[in-house]
Protein backbone atom coordinates (compact mmCIF):
# COMPACT_ATOMS: atom_id res chain seq x y z
CA MET A 1 -106.07 178.19 -27.99
CA ASN A 2 -105.89 181.29 -30.18
CA ILE A 3 -102.12 181.54 -30.35
CA ASP A 4 -102.29 184.55 -32.67
CA GLY A 5 -104.28 186.39 -30.04
CA LEU A 6 -101.62 185.65 -27.45
CA ARG A 7 -98.85 186.79 -29.80
CA ASP A 8 -100.74 189.98 -30.56
CA ALA A 9 -101.18 190.70 -26.85
CA CYS A 10 -97.48 190.33 -25.94
CA LYS A 11 -94.38 192.20 -27.08
CA GLY A 12 -92.14 189.29 -26.07
CA GLU A 13 -91.76 186.06 -28.00
CA VAL A 14 -94.45 183.39 -27.77
CA PHE A 15 -93.74 179.75 -28.64
CA THR A 16 -95.94 176.68 -28.89
CA ALA A 17 -95.18 173.01 -29.37
CA GLY A 18 -95.21 173.37 -33.14
CA ASP A 19 -92.38 175.89 -33.16
CA PRO A 20 -88.79 174.72 -33.78
CA GLN A 21 -87.54 176.87 -30.86
CA PHE A 22 -90.09 175.46 -28.41
CA LEU A 23 -87.92 172.91 -26.57
CA GLU A 24 -85.05 175.36 -26.23
CA ALA A 25 -87.50 177.96 -24.93
CA ILE A 26 -88.85 175.67 -22.21
CA HIS A 27 -85.61 173.85 -21.35
CA GLY A 28 -82.78 176.23 -22.17
CA ASN A 29 -82.53 178.10 -18.87
CA LEU A 30 -83.23 175.16 -16.56
CA TRP A 31 -80.42 174.72 -14.05
CA ASN A 32 -81.05 171.04 -13.39
CA ARG A 33 -80.42 169.07 -16.57
CA LEU A 34 -82.44 166.12 -15.26
CA ILE A 35 -85.41 167.39 -17.28
CA PRO A 36 -88.86 165.79 -16.90
CA ASP A 37 -91.23 164.95 -19.72
CA ARG A 38 -93.72 167.75 -19.09
CA ALA A 39 -94.47 170.72 -21.32
CA PRO A 40 -96.86 173.69 -21.44
CA GLN A 41 -99.05 174.50 -24.43
CA ALA A 42 -97.28 177.83 -24.83
CA ILE A 43 -94.47 179.86 -23.34
CA VAL A 44 -94.42 183.66 -23.15
CA LYS A 45 -91.00 185.27 -22.76
CA ALA A 46 -92.24 188.46 -21.12
CA LEU A 47 -90.37 191.65 -21.92
CA ASP A 48 -92.04 193.72 -19.21
CA GLU A 49 -94.84 193.70 -16.67
CA ASP A 50 -97.38 194.61 -19.38
CA ASP A 51 -96.58 191.30 -21.07
CA VAL A 52 -97.22 189.52 -17.79
CA VAL A 53 -100.59 191.24 -17.44
CA ALA A 54 -101.49 190.37 -21.05
CA ALA A 55 -100.49 186.72 -20.62
CA VAL A 56 -102.47 186.27 -17.40
CA ARG A 57 -105.55 187.93 -18.88
CA PHE A 58 -105.29 185.82 -22.02
CA ALA A 59 -105.03 182.66 -19.93
CA ARG A 60 -108.09 183.61 -17.88
CA ALA A 61 -110.13 184.33 -21.00
CA SER A 62 -109.01 181.07 -22.61
CA GLY A 63 -109.61 178.87 -19.58
CA LEU A 64 -105.91 178.03 -19.28
CA LYS A 65 -103.77 177.78 -16.19
CA VAL A 66 -100.57 179.78 -15.67
CA VAL A 67 -97.18 178.80 -14.25
CA VAL A 68 -94.26 181.18 -13.74
CA ARG A 69 -90.53 180.67 -14.22
CA GLY A 70 -87.98 182.99 -12.74
CA GLY A 71 -84.35 181.89 -12.98
CA GLY A 72 -85.12 178.22 -13.65
CA HIS A 73 -83.03 177.08 -10.69
CA ASN A 74 -85.67 175.13 -8.75
CA TRP A 75 -84.20 171.64 -8.58
CA CYS A 76 -87.43 169.69 -9.23
CA GLN A 77 -88.65 171.83 -12.17
CA PRO A 78 -92.13 172.90 -10.94
CA SER A 79 -92.29 175.46 -13.76
CA LEU A 80 -92.82 172.57 -16.20
CA ARG A 81 -96.48 171.48 -16.12
CA ARG A 82 -98.60 169.45 -18.48
CA GLY A 83 -100.45 172.11 -20.43
CA GLY A 84 -101.22 175.72 -19.65
CA ILE A 85 -99.11 178.81 -20.28
CA LEU A 86 -95.60 179.24 -18.92
CA ILE A 87 -94.66 182.89 -18.28
CA ASP A 88 -90.88 183.18 -18.45
CA LEU A 89 -89.47 186.23 -16.63
CA SER A 90 -85.87 185.74 -17.76
CA GLN A 91 -85.80 189.10 -19.59
CA LEU A 92 -86.61 191.10 -16.41
CA THR A 93 -83.00 191.59 -15.35
CA GLN A 94 -82.70 195.20 -14.20
CA ILE A 95 -81.57 196.71 -10.92
CA VAL A 96 -84.10 199.54 -11.14
CA SER A 97 -82.71 201.80 -8.41
CA ILE A 98 -80.40 201.95 -5.42
CA ASP A 99 -81.00 204.56 -2.71
CA ALA A 100 -77.85 204.28 -0.64
CA ASP A 101 -78.81 207.05 1.80
CA ASN A 102 -82.06 205.34 2.78
CA LEU A 103 -80.81 201.74 2.44
CA LYS A 104 -83.31 200.80 -0.24
CA ALA A 105 -83.21 199.22 -3.68
CA VAL A 106 -85.71 198.10 -6.30
CA ILE A 107 -84.93 195.16 -8.57
CA GLN A 108 -86.63 193.10 -11.21
CA PRO A 109 -86.88 189.38 -10.44
CA ILE A 110 -84.04 188.06 -12.59
CA VAL A 111 -81.01 189.55 -10.87
CA SER A 112 -78.51 187.02 -9.54
CA ASN A 113 -77.18 186.79 -6.01
CA ARG A 114 -73.73 187.69 -7.29
CA ASP A 115 -74.94 190.68 -9.30
CA ILE A 116 -76.89 192.12 -6.37
CA GLN A 117 -73.80 192.10 -4.17
CA LYS A 118 -71.62 193.35 -7.03
CA ALA A 119 -73.84 196.42 -7.37
CA LEU A 120 -74.15 197.07 -3.63
CA ASN A 121 -70.76 196.22 -2.11
CA PRO A 122 -68.81 199.12 -3.70
CA LEU A 123 -71.33 201.44 -2.02
CA GLY A 124 -70.65 199.86 1.37
CA LEU A 125 -73.99 198.04 1.23
CA ALA A 126 -75.18 194.45 1.16
CA PHE A 127 -78.33 192.36 0.98
CA PRO A 128 -78.96 188.90 2.49
CA THR A 129 -78.67 187.06 -0.80
CA GLY A 130 -78.41 183.33 -1.18
CA HIS A 131 -75.18 181.39 -1.51
CA CYS A 132 -75.25 180.11 -5.10
CA PRO A 133 -73.96 182.94 -7.28
CA GLN A 134 -76.18 182.13 -10.26
CA VAL A 135 -79.52 181.93 -8.40
CA LYS A 136 -81.91 184.75 -9.23
CA ALA A 137 -83.90 186.85 -6.77
CA SER A 138 -87.27 185.55 -7.98
CA GLY A 139 -87.34 181.98 -6.68
CA TYR A 140 -84.90 182.74 -3.88
CA LEU A 141 -87.08 185.42 -2.26
CA LEU A 142 -90.38 183.67 -2.96
CA GLY A 143 -89.04 180.60 -1.17
CA GLY A 144 -88.06 182.62 1.88
CA GLY A 145 -84.39 183.10 1.14
CA MET A 146 -81.75 180.95 2.86
CA ALA A 147 -79.25 183.78 3.23
CA TRP A 148 -75.64 184.54 4.00
CA ASN A 149 -75.21 185.77 7.59
CA PRO A 150 -78.60 184.26 8.47
CA THR A 151 -78.69 184.67 12.24
CA VAL A 152 -77.92 188.40 11.98
CA TRP A 153 -79.67 189.45 8.77
CA GLY A 154 -82.37 186.80 8.85
CA SER A 155 -83.82 185.32 5.68
CA GLY A 156 -83.81 187.21 2.40
CA ALA A 157 -87.58 187.60 2.58
CA GLU A 158 -87.29 189.46 5.88
CA SER A 159 -85.52 192.26 3.99
CA VAL A 160 -88.22 192.62 1.34
CA GLU A 161 -90.27 195.75 2.05
CA ALA A 162 -92.75 195.56 -0.84
CA ILE A 163 -93.45 193.72 -4.07
CA GLU A 164 -95.12 194.66 -7.33
CA LEU A 165 -97.11 191.79 -8.77
CA VAL A 166 -99.74 190.70 -11.24
CA THR A 167 -102.73 188.98 -9.64
CA ALA A 168 -104.86 186.12 -10.94
CA GLN A 169 -107.31 188.77 -12.19
CA GLY A 170 -104.55 190.30 -14.32
CA ASP A 171 -104.21 193.44 -12.19
CA LEU A 172 -100.84 195.03 -11.44
CA ILE A 173 -100.70 195.93 -7.74
CA THR A 174 -98.21 196.75 -5.01
CA ALA A 175 -98.20 194.72 -1.79
CA SER A 176 -96.50 195.56 1.50
CA ALA A 177 -97.08 195.43 5.23
CA THR A 178 -99.70 198.16 4.83
CA GLN A 179 -101.40 197.44 1.48
CA ASN A 180 -102.58 194.22 -0.12
CA THR A 181 -101.13 192.50 2.91
CA ASP A 182 -102.33 188.99 2.00
CA PHE A 183 -100.11 188.95 -1.08
CA PHE A 184 -97.15 190.37 0.83
CA TRP A 185 -97.51 187.71 3.53
CA ALA A 186 -97.80 184.84 1.04
CA ALA A 187 -95.08 185.97 -1.38
CA ARG A 188 -92.43 185.72 1.33
CA GLY A 189 -92.17 181.96 1.57
CA ALA A 190 -94.84 180.39 -0.66
CA GLY A 191 -92.31 179.46 -3.33
CA SER A 192 -93.66 177.85 -6.49
CA GLY A 193 -97.19 177.86 -5.09
CA PHE A 194 -97.54 181.64 -4.98
CA PHE A 195 -100.74 182.90 -6.61
CA GLY A 196 -99.26 185.87 -8.48
CA VAL A 197 -96.35 187.00 -10.63
CA VAL A 198 -93.85 189.27 -8.88
CA THR A 199 -92.35 191.80 -11.31
CA LYS A 200 -90.37 193.96 -8.84
CA TYR A 201 -88.93 193.57 -5.34
CA HIS A 202 -88.39 196.55 -3.03
CA LEU A 203 -85.46 195.66 -0.78
CA LYS A 204 -84.19 196.85 2.59
CA LEU A 205 -80.40 197.04 2.42
CA HIS A 206 -77.79 196.53 5.14
CA PRO A 207 -74.35 197.96 5.76
CA LEU A 208 -71.65 195.75 4.26
CA PRO A 209 -69.74 194.00 7.08
CA LYS A 210 -66.30 195.58 7.15
CA ALA A 211 -64.55 192.34 8.10
CA MET A 212 -65.66 189.07 6.52
CA HIS A 213 -63.21 186.35 7.50
CA GLY A 214 -63.38 182.62 6.89
CA SER A 215 -61.81 179.53 8.43
CA THR A 216 -61.69 176.10 6.78
CA SER A 217 -60.63 172.75 8.22
CA TYR A 218 -60.50 169.29 6.66
CA TYR A 219 -60.96 166.03 8.60
CA ARG A 220 -61.11 162.37 7.70
CA LEU A 221 -64.59 161.19 6.80
CA ALA A 222 -64.55 158.77 9.73
CA ASP A 223 -64.15 161.76 12.05
CA ALA A 224 -67.21 163.58 10.69
CA PRO A 225 -69.67 162.31 13.37
CA ALA A 226 -67.37 163.39 16.21
CA ILE A 227 -66.75 166.76 14.58
CA GLY A 228 -70.47 167.22 13.99
CA THR A 229 -71.23 166.42 17.63
CA TRP A 230 -68.61 168.92 18.79
CA LEU A 231 -69.96 171.66 16.50
CA GLY A 232 -73.54 171.03 17.58
CA LYS A 233 -72.62 171.47 21.24
CA LEU A 234 -70.51 174.52 20.47
CA ALA A 235 -72.99 176.36 18.21
CA PRO A 236 -75.24 178.00 20.85
CA GLY A 237 -72.20 179.71 22.34
CA ILE A 238 -70.71 180.87 19.03
CA SER A 239 -71.39 184.44 17.92
CA PRO A 240 -74.48 184.77 15.69
CA SER A 241 -72.20 186.57 13.23
CA VAL A 242 -70.62 183.22 12.33
CA GLU A 243 -72.07 181.07 9.58
CA LEU A 244 -70.99 177.49 10.26
CA SER A 245 -71.23 174.49 7.92
CA LEU A 246 -70.11 170.87 7.78
CA PHE A 247 -69.61 169.36 4.32
CA VAL A 248 -68.85 165.94 2.96
CA VAL A 249 -67.00 166.57 -0.29
CA GLN A 250 -64.25 165.17 -2.45
CA ALA A 251 -60.79 165.98 -1.12
CA PRO A 252 -58.81 168.80 -2.71
CA PRO A 253 -55.77 167.60 -4.68
CA GLU A 254 -53.33 168.00 -1.80
CA LEU A 255 -55.41 165.72 0.46
CA ARG A 256 -56.51 163.03 -1.98
CA GLU A 257 -53.97 160.54 -0.70
CA GLU A 258 -55.23 160.88 2.88
CA ALA A 259 -58.83 160.39 1.68
CA ALA A 260 -58.12 157.51 -0.72
CA ALA A 261 -59.36 154.84 1.69
CA GLU A 262 -62.82 156.44 1.64
CA ASN A 263 -63.01 156.92 -2.13
CA GLY A 264 -61.75 160.48 -1.88
CA TRP A 265 -64.43 161.72 0.52
CA LEU A 266 -63.65 163.79 3.57
CA CYS A 267 -65.26 166.18 6.03
CA MET A 268 -64.83 169.92 5.52
CA VAL A 269 -65.84 172.52 8.11
CA THR A 270 -66.23 176.15 7.05
CA ALA A 271 -66.98 179.13 9.25
CA THR A 272 -67.45 182.69 8.01
CA ALA A 273 -67.63 185.64 10.41
CA PHE A 274 -69.45 188.79 9.28
CA GLU A 275 -68.05 191.45 11.59
CA ASP A 276 -67.04 195.13 11.73
CA THR A 277 -63.35 194.66 12.52
CA PRO A 278 -60.73 191.98 11.78
CA ASP A 279 -60.16 191.54 15.51
CA ALA A 280 -63.87 190.88 16.07
CA ALA A 281 -63.90 188.37 13.22
CA ARG A 282 -60.87 186.52 14.56
CA THR A 283 -62.34 186.50 18.05
CA ALA A 284 -65.64 185.08 16.76
CA LEU A 285 -63.82 182.28 14.92
CA GLN A 286 -61.26 181.50 17.63
CA VAL A 287 -63.42 178.98 19.46
CA LEU A 288 -63.42 176.74 16.37
CA GLU A 289 -59.65 176.38 16.57
CA ARG A 290 -59.95 174.15 19.65
CA SER A 291 -61.03 171.05 17.76
CA PRO A 292 -61.03 167.73 19.65
CA ILE A 293 -59.50 166.10 16.56
CA THR A 294 -56.45 167.39 14.73
CA PRO A 295 -57.47 168.41 11.21
CA LEU A 296 -55.72 167.16 8.10
CA SER A 297 -55.24 170.81 7.18
CA SER A 298 -56.75 174.16 8.16
CA SER A 299 -56.71 177.89 7.55
CA PHE A 300 -57.81 180.52 10.05
CA ALA A 301 -59.62 183.85 9.62
CA THR A 302 -58.74 184.53 6.00
CA PRO A 303 -60.18 187.87 4.77
CA LEU A 304 -62.96 187.38 2.21
CA THR A 305 -65.16 189.37 -0.16
CA PHE A 306 -68.57 188.37 -1.43
CA GLU A 307 -66.96 187.66 -4.79
CA GLN A 308 -64.70 185.11 -3.12
CA LEU A 309 -67.56 183.64 -1.11
CA PHE A 310 -69.55 183.17 -4.31
CA ASP A 311 -66.58 181.63 -6.11
CA ALA A 312 -66.14 179.11 -3.30
CA SER A 313 -69.84 178.31 -2.98
CA GLY A 314 -70.36 178.12 -6.73
CA SER A 315 -67.57 175.59 -7.10
CA PHE A 316 -69.68 173.02 -5.23
CA TRP A 317 -72.76 173.51 -7.43
CA PRO A 318 -71.47 173.46 -11.02
CA GLU A 319 -73.65 174.31 -13.98
CA GLY A 320 -74.94 171.65 -16.33
CA ALA A 321 -75.30 168.78 -13.86
CA ARG A 322 -78.20 166.38 -13.43
CA SER A 323 -79.40 166.76 -9.86
CA ARG A 324 -81.58 165.57 -7.02
CA VAL A 325 -81.87 167.58 -3.82
CA GLU A 326 -83.45 167.01 -0.41
CA ALA A 327 -82.68 169.73 2.11
CA THR A 328 -84.38 169.48 5.46
CA TYR A 329 -84.46 171.00 8.93
CA SER A 330 -83.55 169.06 12.06
CA ASP A 331 -83.09 169.67 15.75
CA HIS A 332 -80.89 166.58 16.10
CA SER A 333 -77.16 166.84 16.61
CA PRO A 334 -75.28 167.21 13.33
CA GLY A 335 -73.04 164.42 14.59
CA GLU A 336 -76.04 162.14 14.88
CA LEU A 337 -77.15 163.02 11.35
CA VAL A 338 -73.73 162.29 9.85
CA GLN A 339 -73.40 159.07 11.86
CA ALA A 340 -76.71 157.81 10.46
CA ILE A 341 -75.55 158.08 6.85
CA LEU A 342 -71.81 157.52 7.31
CA PRO A 343 -71.86 153.98 5.84
CA LEU A 344 -73.49 155.33 2.65
CA LEU A 345 -71.22 158.29 1.99
CA PRO A 346 -68.12 156.55 0.54
CA ASP A 347 -70.39 154.74 -1.93
CA ALA A 348 -71.66 157.92 -3.60
CA PRO A 349 -71.69 157.14 -7.34
CA SER A 350 -70.74 160.69 -8.34
CA ALA A 351 -67.75 162.66 -7.12
CA THR A 352 -69.70 165.87 -7.82
CA SER A 353 -72.26 165.23 -5.07
CA VAL A 354 -72.21 167.24 -1.86
CA PHE A 355 -73.62 166.56 1.59
CA LEU A 356 -74.03 169.75 3.60
CA LEU A 357 -75.23 170.66 7.08
CA THR A 358 -75.53 174.30 8.07
CA ILE A 359 -75.37 174.62 11.86
CA PHE A 360 -76.98 177.83 13.06
CA CYS A 361 -75.01 179.71 15.71
CA GLY A 362 -76.06 181.76 18.70
CA PRO A 363 -78.43 181.30 21.63
CA ASP A 364 -81.66 182.17 19.76
CA VAL A 365 -81.87 179.30 17.27
CA PRO A 366 -84.45 178.35 16.05
CA ALA A 367 -85.41 181.95 15.28
CA ALA A 368 -88.75 183.41 16.28
CA GLN A 369 -91.57 183.13 13.73
CA LYS A 370 -92.06 186.13 11.46
CA ASP A 371 -95.30 187.42 9.95
CA MET A 372 -94.84 185.71 6.58
CA ALA A 373 -95.46 182.36 4.96
CA TYR A 374 -91.83 181.30 5.46
CA SER A 375 -92.14 179.10 8.49
CA VAL A 376 -89.77 176.33 9.36
CA SER A 377 -86.53 176.73 11.26
CA ALA A 378 -84.36 174.46 13.38
CA LYS A 379 -80.84 174.09 14.74
CA VAL A 380 -79.51 172.38 11.60
CA TYR A 381 -80.37 172.59 7.90
CA GLY A 382 -79.10 170.56 4.99
CA GLY A 383 -78.93 167.23 3.23
CA PRO A 384 -77.65 165.68 0.00
CA TRP A 385 -77.19 167.58 -3.24
CA THR A 386 -76.74 164.58 -5.53
CA MET A 387 -75.21 165.76 -8.83
CA TRP A 388 -73.91 163.83 -11.83
CA TRP A 389 -73.36 164.35 -15.55
CA LYS A 390 -74.55 161.47 -17.73
CA ALA A 391 -78.02 160.04 -18.33
CA GLU A 392 -76.70 156.50 -17.99
CA ASP A 393 -75.85 157.32 -14.37
CA ASP A 394 -79.39 158.43 -13.47
CA ALA A 395 -80.47 155.16 -11.84
CA ALA A 396 -77.39 154.70 -9.64
CA ASN A 397 -77.43 158.28 -8.37
CA THR A 398 -81.18 158.30 -7.83
CA GLU A 399 -80.96 155.10 -5.77
CA TRP A 400 -78.07 156.45 -3.65
CA HIS A 401 -79.97 159.71 -3.11
CA ARG A 402 -83.09 157.77 -2.08
CA ARG A 403 -81.10 155.73 0.47
CA ILE A 404 -79.65 158.90 2.02
CA THR A 405 -82.99 160.71 2.24
CA THR A 406 -84.83 157.65 3.57
CA THR A 407 -82.22 157.22 6.29
CA LEU A 408 -82.49 160.87 7.33
CA ARG A 409 -86.29 161.12 7.23
CA PRO A 410 -86.85 160.17 10.91
CA TYR A 411 -84.65 163.11 11.91
CA ASN A 412 -86.51 165.74 9.84
CA THR A 413 -88.62 168.48 11.36
CA GLY A 414 -89.52 170.20 8.07
CA TYR A 415 -88.44 171.16 4.57
CA TYR A 416 -87.30 174.25 2.68
CA ILE A 417 -89.72 174.75 -0.20
CA GLY A 418 -87.00 175.77 -2.65
CA GLU A 419 -84.70 172.79 -2.10
CA THR A 420 -86.90 169.75 -1.76
CA ASN A 421 -88.54 167.51 -4.34
CA THR A 422 -92.12 168.75 -4.12
CA VAL A 423 -92.91 167.04 -7.45
CA GLU A 424 -92.09 163.44 -6.56
CA GLN A 425 -92.82 163.90 -2.85
CA PRO A 426 -95.83 166.25 -2.65
CA ALA A 427 -96.31 165.39 1.03
CA ASN A 428 -93.19 167.52 1.67
CA VAL A 429 -95.06 170.68 0.65
CA PRO A 430 -97.19 171.21 3.78
CA GLN A 431 -94.18 170.20 5.88
CA ALA A 432 -92.39 173.31 4.58
CA PHE A 433 -94.80 175.36 6.71
CA THR A 434 -96.13 175.35 10.23
CA PRO A 435 -99.69 173.92 10.26
CA GLU A 436 -101.19 177.33 10.93
CA LYS A 437 -99.31 179.00 8.10
CA TRP A 438 -100.11 176.19 5.66
CA GLU A 439 -103.81 176.54 6.47
CA ARG A 440 -103.64 180.30 5.96
CA LEU A 441 -101.72 179.97 2.69
CA CYS A 442 -104.35 177.59 1.28
CA ALA A 443 -107.13 179.92 2.41
CA LEU A 444 -105.48 182.92 0.75
CA ARG A 445 -105.10 181.01 -2.50
CA ARG A 446 -108.82 180.20 -2.47
CA LYS A 447 -109.61 183.84 -1.71
CA HIS A 448 -107.38 185.52 -4.27
CA ASP A 449 -107.35 182.90 -7.04
CA PRO A 450 -110.78 181.29 -6.71
CA GLU A 451 -110.82 180.14 -10.33
CA GLY A 452 -107.42 178.47 -10.05
CA VAL A 453 -105.71 180.53 -12.73
CA PHE A 454 -102.30 179.70 -11.28
CA PHE A 455 -101.16 176.12 -11.02
CA ASP A 456 -100.81 175.19 -7.36
CA TYR A 457 -98.04 173.01 -5.92
CA PHE A 458 -99.62 169.76 -7.12
CA ASP A 459 -101.35 170.40 -10.48
CA ALA A 460 -100.35 168.71 -13.75
CA LEU A 461 -97.05 167.26 -12.56
CA GLY A 462 -97.63 163.51 -12.71
CA ASP A 463 -98.48 161.08 -15.48
CA GLU A 464 -101.33 161.96 -17.77
């Protein structure tokens, strides 16, 4: 590889394995600190879309494959491959424009969920961002976008109106519902297997809900199956404006004594209503106050902002942890899912781990299929986010995670491409799509990247 030629072609920094900054360049912005032993031949820290074009064209001319990294938050690290060129987009951080009158915005790929809302909310606007405050738009939107207020706003990808991208031929194009439609279809849901580099997203904005209110209740872990069964039966009749979740988490300080018999674990139920008036929000949440089991503690219809929602969500996914994740879709009762794994939950080796089930509300779940790669939906979504801090705890946490995911596998109907281990379990990749959409996605890759310039989902991930 003519590294000088690559450096000459790009304004941004270029590092190879011989450079002292190389490991920091390829590992520094990875969210999951369980880092695999894979490395590219070079990394390009692109300063703009011209750098992306130059890097792709250099790779083509040199017979090298390309992989792209956005925010580095994908849990199984598919941006680390054996060989090839890694294009790092972490410098593309601008909100390019906001057109409040026409409910439109243009952003570069590395803008966080929190920063998007922070820019929009004071204008009375919002976007269906994801829940983790630190996650960037790039991987979130490419994966489909598991959003706040999902049964009203839909997925994040549904509110993308166009993208600007660099193709495998090194051309900078715009794709939308009316031009370069193959790319537009694939980019909304293909995740790490997308055959292009998105440099800008054109977003459709939404009015900010005037009343966001949240309720939280805590129950004993032993009560989680009964609570899950109750919520599953209730969900179709709950307003679609309510986002409903069941967690298994460590007890807050004031409830640790009550949870001591189950190693500090308890069941937490959260419900957030996105409504136009406080009365409407309270009405939407009222049905959840009639629990068949008295909670250990509860709060009802507390007013919230997106900043507070992000603070709460972010507290469950701390930075710097070593992680394994397996989030799946299921049409089984959430009570049945929790019952299946209940014996395993108190034995979790790490108090940082979280088990989460999002239970979609309203009569129209699963949602109708949209004209995009993003495919799978069901009544319930979730699984274990196994998180710990020390390398010496890798084996114990990996084994516990494997036991949970193996137990839940018979209940799965599909996977979310951004929160499943597509590296160690490549068979999960096609199960993140309906069969028809998977077939089309593969066909589009062959059509638009016939020389295989971009690494696909499976290339150069295993042992040499």
